[in-house]
Amino acid sequence: MDSNLILLEAFFGDYPHLFNWRMPDGGCVGFVGYKGAVGVEAFTHRLIQESGVLLLPATVYRSDLNEVPKDYFRIGYGHSDVPQALAVLRDWLRRRGD
């Protein structure tokens, strides 16, 4: 899991104009802010349709403790396929011109 966090840190560091990333305090899920003009709902929908990478927008979650942040998505980093998913995401962003 630590190696995936290192990969995520590097990946999001390459796209500060698109993403707001902060290293999670624990667990195996991070929340990432999306800064793009289309909004996180359109971004995540288009991403899965065009690349097969699934990122869930924060709007699909509910919390009784706090308001769910807008324009954030959830990313899991406890799986072995994180490097491959990031490669597909990077390629998709490159093809879009981001």
PDB file of N, CA and C in Angstrom:
ATOM      1  N   MET A   1       0.818  -1.190   0.000  1.00  0.00           N
ATOM      2  CA  MET A   1       0.000   0.000   0.000  1.00  0.00           C
ATOM      3  C   MET A   1       0.867   1.261   0.000  1.00  0.00           C
ATOM      4  N   ASP A   2       1.990   1.244   0.717  1.00  0.00           N
ATOM      5  CA  ASP A   2       2.868   2.409   0.753  1.00  0.00           C
ATOM      6  C   ASP A   2       3.409   2.743  -0.626  1.00  0.00           C
ATOM      7  N   SER A   3       3.721   1.711  -1.413  1.00  0.00           N
ATOM      8  CA  SER A   3       4.227   1.976  -2.765  1.00  0.00           C
ATOM      9  C   SER A   3       3.143   2.622  -3.628  1.00  0.00           C
ATOM     10  N   ASN A   4       1.882   2.259  -3.425  1.00  0.00           N
ATOM     11  CA  ASN A   4       0.794   2.891  -4.170  1.00  0.00           C
ATOM     12  C   ASN A   4       0.631   4.353  -3.770  1.00  0.00           C
ATOM     13  N   LEU A   5       0.813   4.656  -2.497  1.00  0.00           N
ATOM     14  CA  LEU A   5       0.741   6.055  -2.057  1.00  0.00           C
ATOM     15  C   LEU A   5       1.837   6.887  -2.699  1.00  0.00           C
ATOM     16  N   ILE A   6       3.013   6.315  -2.832  1.00  0.00           N
ATOM     17  CA  ILE A   6       4.121   7.020  -3.493  1.00  0.00           C
ATOM     18  C   ILE A   6       3.764   7.290  -4.950  1.00  0.00           C
ATOM     19  N   LEU A   7       3.169   6.290  -5.613  1.00  0.00           N
ATOM     20  CA  LEU A   7       2.742   6.472  -6.999  1.00  0.00           C
ATOM     21  C   LEU A   7       1.666   7.554  -7.121  1.00  0.00           C
ATOM     22  N   LEU A   8       0.700   7.545  -6.209  1.00  0.00           N
ATOM     23  CA  LEU A   8      -0.357   8.555  -6.239  1.00  0.00           C
ATOM     24  C   LEU A   8       0.205   9.953  -5.992  1.00  0.00           C
ATOM     25  N   GLU A   9       1.111  10.061  -5.058  1.00  0.00           N
ATOM     26  CA  GLU A   9       1.740  11.359  -4.766  1.00  0.00           C
ATOM     27  C   GLU A   9       2.427  11.906  -6.018  1.00  0.00           C
ATOM     28  N   ALA A  10       3.173  11.064  -6.706  1.00  0.00           N
ATOM     29  CA  ALA A  10       3.864  11.481  -7.932  1.00  0.00           C
ATOM     30  C   ALA A  10       2.872  11.806  -9.044  1.00  0.00           C
ATOM     31  N   PHE A  11       1.865  10.946  -9.206  1.00  0.00           N
ATOM     32  CA  PHE A  11       0.881  11.162 -10.263  1.00  0.00           C
ATOM     33  C   PHE A  11       0.171  12.498 -10.091  1.00  0.00           C
ATOM     34  N   PHE A  12      -0.416  12.713  -8.917  1.00  0.00           N
ATOM     35  CA  PHE A  12      -1.166  13.949  -8.710  1.00  0.00           C
ATOM     36  C   PHE A  12      -0.257  15.171  -8.703  1.00  0.00           C
ATOM     37  N   GLY A  13       1.008  14.980  -8.353  1.00  0.00           N
ATOM     38  CA  GLY A  13       1.975  16.073  -8.435  1.00  0.00           C
ATOM     39  C   GLY A  13       2.208  16.536  -9.858  1.00  0.00           C
ATOM     40  N   ASP A  14       1.969  15.646 -10.821  1.00  0.00           N
ATOM     41  CA  ASP A  14       2.112  16.008 -12.238  1.00  0.00           C
ATOM     42  C   ASP A  14       0.918  16.793 -12.774  1.00  0.00           C
ATOM     43  N   TYR A  15      -0.175  16.848 -12.017  1.00  0.00           N
ATOM     44  CA  TYR A  15      -1.409  17.491 -12.476  1.00  0.00           C
ATOM     45  C   TYR A  15      -1.981  18.454 -11.427  1.00  0.00           C
ATOM     46  N   PRO A  16      -1.171  19.380 -10.922  1.00  0.00           N
ATOM     47  CA  PRO A  16      -1.705  20.283  -9.886  1.00  0.00           C
ATOM     48  C   PRO A  16      -2.807  21.197 -10.403  1.00  0.00           C
ATOM     49  N   HIS A  17      -2.878  21.392 -11.700  1.00  0.00           N
ATOM     50  CA  HIS A  17      -3.928  22.225 -12.294  1.00  0.00           C
ATOM     51  C   HIS A  17      -5.276  21.491 -12.332  1.00  0.00           C
ATOM     52  N   LEU A  18      -5.247  20.154 -12.196  1.00  0.00           N
ATOM     53  CA  LEU A  18      -6.482  19.366 -12.262  1.00  0.00           C
ATOM     54  C   LEU A  18      -6.922  18.772 -10.931  1.00  0.00           C
ATOM     55  N   PHE A  19      -5.953  18.486 -10.064  1.00  0.00           N
ATOM     56  CA  PHE A  19      -6.273  17.739  -8.853  1.00  0.00           C
ATOM     57  C   PHE A  19      -5.713  18.380  -7.600  1.00  0.00           C
ATOM     58  N   ASN A  20      -6.455  18.245  -6.536  1.00  0.00           N
ATOM     59  CA  ASN A  20      -6.025  18.670  -5.208  1.00  0.00           C
ATOM     60  C   ASN A  20      -5.853  17.402  -4.382  1.00  0.00           C
ATOM     61  N   TRP A  21      -4.608  17.004  -4.155  1.00  0.00           N
ATOM     62  CA  TRP A  21      -4.295  15.751  -3.470  1.00  0.00           C
ATOM     63  C   TRP A  21      -3.602  16.047  -2.155  1.00  0.00           C
ATOM     64  N   ARG A  22      -4.035  15.349  -1.145  1.00  0.00           N
ATOM     65  CA  ARG A  22      -3.367  15.395   0.156  1.00  0.00           C
ATOM     66  C   ARG A  22      -3.222  13.959   0.622  1.00  0.00           C
ATOM     67  N   MET A  23      -2.020  13.611   1.050  1.00  0.00           N
ATOM     68  CA  MET A  23      -1.759  12.261   1.528  1.00  0.00           C
ATOM     69  C   MET A  23      -2.747  11.919   2.649  1.00  0.00           C
ATOM     70  N   PRO A  24      -3.442  10.787   2.540  1.00  0.00           N
ATOM     71  CA  PRO A  24      -4.409  10.391   3.575  1.00  0.00           C
ATOM     72  C   PRO A  24      -3.719  10.136   4.923  1.00  0.00           C
ATOM     73  N   ASP A  25      -4.460  10.339   5.981  1.00  0.00           N
ATOM     74  CA  ASP A  25      -3.945  10.083   7.325  1.00  0.00           C
ATOM     75  C   ASP A  25      -3.901   8.596   7.644  1.00  0.00           C
ATOM     76  N   GLY A  26      -4.675   7.801   6.943  1.00  0.00           N
ATOM     77  CA  GLY A  26      -4.712   6.361   7.183  1.00  0.00           C
ATOM     78  C   GLY A  26      -5.733   5.707   6.291  1.00  0.00           C
ATOM     79  N   GLY A  27      -5.906   4.412   6.458  1.00  0.00           N
ATOM     80  CA  GLY A  27      -6.872   3.682   5.665  1.00  0.00           C
ATOM     81  C   GLY A  27      -6.329   3.312   4.299  1.00  0.00           C
ATOM     82  N   CYS A  28      -7.242   2.993   3.390  1.00  0.00           N
ATOM     83  CA  CYS A  28      -6.834   2.601   2.034  1.00  0.00           C
ATOM     84  C   CYS A  28      -7.619   3.355   0.963  1.00  0.00           C
ATOM     85  N   VAL A  29      -8.202   4.486   1.355  1.00  0.00           N
ATOM     86  CA  VAL A  29      -8.982   5.307   0.433  1.00  0.00           C
ATOM     87  C   VAL A  29      -8.600   6.759   0.629  1.00  0.00           C
ATOM     88  N   GLY A  30      -8.425   7.468  -0.485  1.00  0.00           N
ATOM     89  CA  GLY A  30      -8.162   8.896  -0.425  1.00  0.00           C
ATOM     90  C   GLY A  30      -9.251   9.658  -1.149  1.00  0.00           C
ATOM     91  N   PHE A  31      -9.406  10.908  -0.779  1.00  0.00           N
ATOM     92  CA  PHE A  31     -10.334  11.797  -1.481  1.00  0.00           C
ATOM     93  C   PHE A  31      -9.504  12.845  -2.200  1.00  0.00           C
ATOM     94  N   VAL A  32      -9.814  13.015  -3.475  1.00  0.00           N
ATOM     95  CA  VAL A  32      -9.038  13.903  -4.335  1.00  0.00           C
ATOM     96  C   VAL A  32      -9.963  14.976  -4.886  1.00  0.00           C
ATOM     97  N   GLY A  33      -9.545  16.224  -4.771  1.00  0.00           N
ATOM     98  CA  GLY A  33     -10.315  17.315  -5.345  1.00  0.00           C
ATOM     99  C   GLY A  33     -10.080  17.399  -6.841  1.00  0.00           C
ATOM    100  N   TYR A  34     -11.143  17.612  -7.584  1.00  0.00           N
ATOM    101  CA  TYR A  34     -11.045  17.782  -9.032  1.00  0.00           C
ATOM    102  C   TYR A  34     -11.291  19.244  -9.355  1.00  0.00           C
ATOM    103  N   LYS A  35     -10.348  19.881 -10.038  1.00  0.00           N
ATOM    104  CA  LYS A  35     -10.409  21.312 -10.340  1.00  0.00           C
ATOM    105  C   LYS A  35     -10.879  21.614 -11.762  1.00  0.00           C
ATOM    106  N   GLY A  36     -11.168  20.594 -12.541  1.00  0.00           N
ATOM    107  CA  GLY A  36     -11.550  20.805 -13.930  1.00  0.00           C
ATOM    108  C   GLY A  36     -12.865  21.531 -14.083  1.00  0.00           C
ATOM    109  N   ALA A  37     -13.023  22.162 -15.229  1.00  0.00           N
ATOM    110  CA  ALA A  37     -14.205  22.985 -15.501  1.00  0.00           C
ATOM    111  C   ALA A  37     -15.492  22.190 -15.621  1.00  0.00           C
ATOM    112  N   VAL A  38     -15.408  20.914 -16.005  1.00  0.00           N
ATOM    113  CA  VAL A  38     -16.626  20.137 -16.245  1.00  0.00           C
ATOM    114  C   VAL A  38     -17.262  19.611 -14.964  1.00  0.00           C
ATOM    115  N   GLY A  39     -16.554  19.649 -13.868  1.00  0.00           N
ATOM    116  CA  GLY A  39     -17.075  19.133 -12.607  1.00  0.00           C
ATOM    117  C   GLY A  39     -16.794  17.650 -12.453  1.00  0.00           C
ATOM    118  N   VAL A  40     -16.786  17.200 -11.227  1.00  0.00           N
ATOM    119  CA  VAL A  40     -16.375  15.830 -10.914  1.00  0.00           C
ATOM    120  C   VAL A  40     -17.349  14.785 -11.451  1.00  0.00           C
ATOM    121  N   GLU A  41     -18.626  15.080 -11.472  1.00  0.00           N
ATOM    122  CA  GLU A  41     -19.603  14.113 -11.981  1.00  0.00           C
ATOM    123  C   GLU A  41     -19.332  13.800 -13.451  1.00  0.00           C
ATOM    124  N   ALA A  42     -19.186  14.837 -14.267  1.00  0.00           N
ATOM    125  CA  ALA A  42     -18.923  14.639 -15.693  1.00  0.00           C
ATOM    126  C   ALA A  42     -17.556  14.002 -15.917  1.00  0.00           C
ATOM    127  N   PHE A  43     -16.576  14.425 -15.135  1.00  0.00           N
ATOM    128  CA  PHE A  43     -15.226  13.873 -15.251  1.00  0.00           C
ATOM    129  C   PHE A  43     -15.220  12.371 -14.989  1.00  0.00           C
ATOM    130  N   THR A  44     -15.801  11.941 -13.874  1.00  0.00           N
ATOM    131  CA  THR A  44     -15.777  10.520 -13.532  1.00  0.00           C
ATOM    132  C   THR A  44     -16.636   9.695 -14.491  1.00  0.00           C
ATOM    133  N   HIS A  45     -17.746  10.255 -14.938  1.00  0.00           N
ATOM    134  CA  HIS A  45     -18.597   9.538 -15.899  1.00  0.00           C
ATOM    135  C   HIS A  45     -17.861   9.331 -17.219  1.00  0.00           C
ATOM    136  N   ARG A  46     -17.253  10.380 -17.718  1.00  0.00           N
ATOM    137  CA  ARG A  46     -16.528  10.289 -18.983  1.00  0.00           C
ATOM    138  C   ARG A  46     -15.331   9.348 -18.856  1.00  0.00           C
ATOM    139  N   LEU A  47     -14.643   9.408 -17.721  1.00  0.00           N
ATOM    140  CA  LEU A  47     -13.474   8.555 -17.499  1.00  0.00           C
ATOM    141  C   LEU A  47     -13.840   7.079 -17.591  1.00  0.00           C
ATOM    142  N   ILE A  48     -14.902   6.671 -16.935  1.00  0.00           N
ATOM    143  CA  ILE A  48     -15.270   5.247 -16.980  1.00  0.00           C
ATOM    144  C   ILE A  48     -15.758   4.849 -18.365  1.00  0.00           C
ATOM    145  N   GLN A  49     -16.502   5.728 -19.018  1.00  0.00           N
ATOM    146  CA  GLN A  49     -17.014   5.415 -20.350  1.00  0.00           C
ATOM    147  C   GLN A  49     -15.891   5.266 -21.369  1.00  0.00           C
ATOM    148  N   GLU A  50     -14.877   6.123 -21.274  1.00  0.00           N
ATOM    149  CA  GLU A  50     -13.834   6.170 -22.291  1.00  0.00           C
ATOM    150  C   GLU A  50     -12.595   5.349 -21.961  1.00  0.00           C
ATOM    151  N   SER A  51     -12.374   5.035 -20.676  1.00  0.00           N
ATOM    152  CA  SER A  51     -11.135   4.335 -20.324  1.00  0.00           C
ATOM    153  C   SER A  51     -11.340   3.087 -19.480  1.00  0.00           C
ATOM    154  N   GLY A  52     -12.492   2.966 -18.829  1.00  0.00           N
ATOM    155  CA  GLY A  52     -12.735   1.839 -17.948  1.00  0.00           C
ATOM    156  C   GLY A  52     -12.223   2.029 -16.530  1.00  0.00           C
ATOM    157  N   VAL A  53     -11.634   3.185 -16.231  1.00  0.00           N
ATOM    158  CA  VAL A  53     -11.150   3.472 -14.881  1.00  0.00           C
ATOM    159  C   VAL A  53     -12.317   4.022 -14.069  1.00  0.00           C
ATOM    160  N   LEU A  54     -12.584   3.392 -12.931  1.00  0.00           N
ATOM    161  CA  LEU A  54     -13.698   3.788 -12.087  1.00  0.00           C
ATOM    162  C   LEU A  54     -13.212   4.619 -10.912  1.00  0.00           C
ATOM    163  N   LEU A  55     -13.617   5.866 -10.887  1.00  0.00           N
ATOM    164  CA  LEU A  55     -13.432   6.753  -9.743  1.00  0.00           C
ATOM    165  C   LEU A  55     -14.823   7.206  -9.340  1.00  0.00           C
ATOM    166  N   LEU A  56     -15.127   7.102  -8.068  1.00  0.00           N
ATOM    167  CA  LEU A  56     -16.469   7.442  -7.611  1.00  0.00           C
ATOM    168  C   LEU A  56     -16.522   8.855  -7.061  1.00  0.00           C
ATOM    169  N   PRO A  57     -17.399   9.693  -7.615  1.00  0.00           N
ATOM    170  CA  PRO A  57     -17.525  11.047  -7.089  1.00  0.00           C
ATOM    171  C   PRO A  57     -18.068  11.029  -5.674  1.00  0.00           C
ATOM    172  N   ALA A  58     -17.656  11.990  -4.891  1.00  0.00           N
ATOM    173  CA  ALA A  58     -18.060  12.049  -3.483  1.00  0.00           C
ATOM    174  C   ALA A  58     -19.571  12.141  -3.324  1.00  0.00           C
ATOM    175  N   THR A  59     -20.280  12.565  -4.347  1.00  0.00           N
ATOM    176  CA  THR A  59     -21.725  12.711  -4.240  1.00  0.00           C
ATOM    177  C   THR A  59     -22.437  11.371  -4.069  1.00  0.00           C
ATOM    178  N   VAL A  60     -21.767  10.263  -4.325  1.00  0.00           N
ATOM    179  CA  VAL A  60     -22.407   8.961  -4.131  1.00  0.00           C
ATOM    180  C   VAL A  60     -22.295   8.505  -2.677  1.00  0.00           C
ATOM    181  N   TYR A  61     -21.638   9.296  -1.849  1.00  0.00           N
ATOM    182  CA  TYR A  61     -21.470   8.956  -0.443  1.00  0.00           C
ATOM    183  C   TYR A  61     -22.293   9.895   0.428  1.00  0.00           C
ATOM    184  N   ARG A  62     -22.614   9.414   1.600  1.00  0.00           N
ATOM    185  CA  ARG A  62     -23.377  10.197   2.553  1.00  0.00           C
ATOM    186  C   ARG A  62     -22.680  10.084   3.896  1.00  0.00           C
ATOM    187  N   SER A  63     -22.686  11.160   4.639  1.00  0.00           N
ATOM    188  CA  SER A  63     -22.090  11.142   5.965  1.00  0.00           C
ATOM    189  C   SER A  63     -23.015  11.848   6.946  1.00  0.00           C
ATOM    190  N   ASP A  64     -23.216  11.227   8.082  1.00  0.00           N
ATOM    191  CA  ASP A  64     -23.981  11.867   9.146  1.00  0.00           C
ATOM    192  C   ASP A  64     -23.090  12.770   9.990  1.00  0.00           C
ATOM    193  N   LEU A  65     -21.780  12.681   9.780  1.00  0.00           N
ATOM    194  CA  LEU A  65     -20.828  13.452  10.579  1.00  0.00           C
ATOM    195  C   LEU A  65     -20.503  14.810   9.968  1.00  0.00           C
ATOM    196  N   ASN A  66     -20.308  14.823   8.653  1.00  0.00           N
ATOM    197  CA  ASN A  66     -19.900  16.049   7.966  1.00  0.00           C
ATOM    198  C   ASN A  66     -20.577  16.136   6.613  1.00  0.00           C
ATOM    199  N   GLU A  67     -20.564  17.323   6.069  1.00  0.00           N
ATOM    200  CA  GLU A  67     -21.036  17.510   4.701  1.00  0.00           C
ATOM    201  C   GLU A  67     -20.038  16.843   3.754  1.00  0.00           C
ATOM    202  N   VAL A  68     -20.539  16.165   2.749  1.00  0.00           N
ATOM    203  CA  VAL A  68     -19.669  15.535   1.760  1.00  0.00           C
ATOM    204  C   VAL A  68     -19.139  16.625   0.840  1.00  0.00           C
ATOM    205  N   PRO A  69     -17.822  16.683   0.659  1.00  0.00           N
ATOM    206  CA  PRO A  69     -17.258  17.755  -0.172  1.00  0.00           C
ATOM    207  C   PRO A  69     -17.674  17.622  -1.631  1.00  0.00           C
ATOM    208  N   LYS A  70     -17.901  18.742  -2.251  1.00  0.00           N
ATOM    209  CA  LYS A  70     -18.255  18.759  -3.666  1.00  0.00           C
ATOM    210  C   LYS A  70     -16.972  18.725  -4.499  1.00  0.00           C
ATOM    211  N   ASP A  71     -17.074  18.217  -5.695  1.00  0.00           N
ATOM    212  CA  ASP A  71     -15.966  18.130  -6.643  1.00  0.00           C
ATOM    213  C   ASP A  71     -14.774  17.337  -6.124  1.00  0.00           C
ATOM    214  N   TYR A  72     -15.051  16.308  -5.353  1.00  0.00           N
ATOM    215  CA  TYR A  72     -14.032  15.352  -4.928  1.00  0.00           C
ATOM    216  C   TYR A  72     -14.422  13.975  -5.419  1.00  0.00           C
ATOM    217  N   PHE A  73     -13.429  13.134  -5.613  1.00  0.00           N
ATOM    218  CA  PHE A  73     -13.692  11.740  -5.915  1.00  0.00           C
ATOM    219  C   PHE A  73     -12.896  10.865  -4.968  1.00  0.00           C
ATOM    220  N   ARG A  74     -13.319   9.655  -4.859  1.00  0.00           N
ATOM    221  CA  ARG A  74     -12.700   8.680  -3.968  1.00  0.00           C
ATOM    222  C   ARG A  74     -11.775   7.792  -4.793  1.00  0.00           C
ATOM    223  N   ILE A  75     -10.586   7.538  -4.263  1.00  0.00           N
ATOM    224  CA  ILE A  75      -9.655   6.646  -4.939  1.00  0.00           C
ATOM    225  C   ILE A  75      -9.110   5.639  -3.931  1.00  0.00           C
ATOM    226  N   GLY A  76      -9.241   4.372  -4.255  1.00  0.00           N
ATOM    227  CA  GLY A  76      -8.719   3.313  -3.404  1.00  0.00           C
ATOM    228  C   GLY A  76      -7.291   2.997  -3.811  1.00  0.00           C
ATOM    229  N   TYR A  77      -6.431   2.793  -2.845  1.00  0.00           N
ATOM    230  CA  TYR A  77      -5.035   2.497  -3.163  1.00  0.00           C
ATOM    231  C   TYR A  77      -4.546   1.226  -2.488  1.00  0.00           C
ATOM    232  N   GLY A  78      -5.464   0.397  -2.058  1.00  0.00           N
ATOM    233  CA  GLY A  78      -5.087  -0.853  -1.416  1.00  0.00           C
ATOM    234  C   GLY A  78      -5.018  -2.041  -2.361  1.00  0.00           C
ATOM    235  N   HIS A  79      -5.211  -1.826  -3.631  1.00  0.00           N
ATOM    236  CA  HIS A  79      -5.237  -2.910  -4.609  1.00  0.00           C
ATOM    237  C   HIS A  79      -3.918  -3.004  -5.365  1.00  0.00           C
ATOM    238  N   SER A  80      -3.649  -4.166  -5.917  1.00  0.00           N
ATOM    239  CA  SER A  80      -2.397  -4.380  -6.649  1.00  0.00           C
ATOM    240  C   SER A  80      -2.401  -3.735  -8.032  1.00  0.00           C
ATOM    241  N   ASP A  81      -3.571  -3.347  -8.546  1.00  0.00           N
ATOM    242  CA  ASP A  81      -3.644  -2.808  -9.907  1.00  0.00           C
ATOM    243  C   ASP A  81      -3.556  -1.282  -9.977  1.00  0.00           C
ATOM    244  N   VAL A  82      -3.189  -0.632  -8.888  1.00  0.00           N
ATOM    245  CA  VAL A  82      -3.083   0.832  -8.890  1.00  0.00           C
ATOM    246  C   VAL A  82      -2.092   1.332  -9.946  1.00  0.00           C
ATOM    247  N   PRO A  83      -0.911   0.729 -10.093  1.00  0.00           N
ATOM    248  CA  PRO A  83       0.000   1.218 -11.140  1.00  0.00           C
ATOM    249  C   PRO A  83      -0.606   1.153 -12.537  1.00  0.00           C
ATOM    250  N   GLN A  84      -1.303   0.079 -12.841  1.00  0.00           N
ATOM    251  CA  GLN A  84      -1.923  -0.056 -14.162  1.00  0.00           C
ATOM    252  C   GLN A  84      -3.047   0.965 -14.337  1.00  0.00           C
ATOM    253  N   ALA A  85      -3.857   1.158 -13.307  1.00  0.00           N
ATOM    254  CA  ALA A  85      -4.958   2.126 -13.392  1.00  0.00           C
ATOM    255  C   ALA A  85      -4.419   3.537 -13.592  1.00  0.00           C
ATOM    256  N   LEU A  86      -3.337   3.882 -12.903  1.00  0.00           N
ATOM    257  CA  LEU A  86      -2.751   5.210 -13.077  1.00  0.00           C
ATOM    258  C   LEU A  86      -2.172   5.384 -14.472  1.00  0.00           C
ATOM    259  N   ALA A  87      -1.613   4.326 -15.039  1.00  0.00           N
ATOM    260  CA  ALA A  87      -1.089   4.402 -16.408  1.00  0.00           C
ATOM    261  C   ALA A  87      -2.221   4.661 -17.398  1.00  0.00           C
ATOM    262  N   VAL A  88      -3.347   3.983 -17.214  1.00  0.00           N
ATOM    263  CA  VAL A  88      -4.501   4.204 -18.096  1.00  0.00           C
ATOM    264  C   VAL A  88      -5.040   5.623 -17.904  1.00  0.00           C
ATOM    265  N   LEU A  89      -5.141   6.076 -16.663  1.00  0.00           N
ATOM    266  CA  LEU A  89      -5.629   7.430 -16.385  1.00  0.00           C
ATOM    267  C   LEU A  89      -4.701   8.471 -16.995  1.00  0.00           C
ATOM    268  N   ARG A  90      -3.388   8.277 -16.845  1.00  0.00           N
ATOM    269  CA  ARG A  90      -2.422   9.225 -17.426  1.00  0.00           C
ATOM    270  C   ARG A  90      -2.576   9.285 -18.944  1.00  0.00           C
ATOM    271  N   ASP A  91      -2.709   8.130 -19.585  1.00  0.00           N
ATOM    272  CA  ASP A  91      -2.874   8.087 -21.040  1.00  0.00           C
ATOM    273  C   ASP A  91      -4.157   8.789 -21.453  1.00  0.00           C
ATOM    274  N   TRP A  92      -5.229   8.551 -20.710  1.00  0.00           N
ATOM    275  CA  TRP A  92      -6.508   9.192 -21.023  1.00  0.00           C
ATOM    276  C   TRP A  92      -6.402  10.709 -20.891  1.00  0.00           C
ATOM    277  N   LEU A  93      -5.762  11.183 -19.847  1.00  0.00           N
ATOM    278  CA  LEU A  93      -5.571  12.627 -19.671  1.00  0.00           C
ATOM    279  C   LEU A  93      -4.710  13.205 -20.794  1.00  0.00           C
ATOM    280  N   ARG A  94      -3.684  12.474 -21.180  1.00  0.00           N
ATOM    281  CA  ARG A  94      -2.808  12.925 -22.269  1.00  0.00           C
ATOM    282  C   ARG A  94      -3.592  13.060 -23.578  1.00  0.00           C
ATOM    283  N   ARG A  95      -4.424  12.071 -23.866  1.00  0.00           N
ATOM    284  CA  ARG A  95      -5.222  12.118 -25.103  1.00  0.00           C
ATOM    285  C   ARG A  95      -6.220  13.276 -25.079  1.00  0.00           C
ATOM    286  N   ARG A  96      -6.687  13.628 -23.900  1.00  0.00           N
ATOM    287  CA  ARG A  96      -7.613  14.770 -23.761  1.00  0.00           C
ATOM    288  C   ARG A  96      -6.899  16.101 -23.832  1.00  0.00           C
ATOM    289  N   GLY A  97      -5.586  16.067 -23.657  1.00  0.00           N
ATOM    290  CA  GLY A  97      -4.824  17.311 -23.662  1.00  0.00           C
ATOM    291  C   GLY A  97      -4.697  17.972 -22.302  1.00  0.00           C
ATOM    292  N   ASP A  98      -4.924  17.224 -21.230  1.00  0.00           N
ATOM    293  CA  ASP A  98      -4.835  17.780 -19.882  1.00  0.00           C
ATOM    294  C   ASP A  98      -3.438  17.711 -19.337  1.00  0.00           C
TER     295      ASP A  98
END
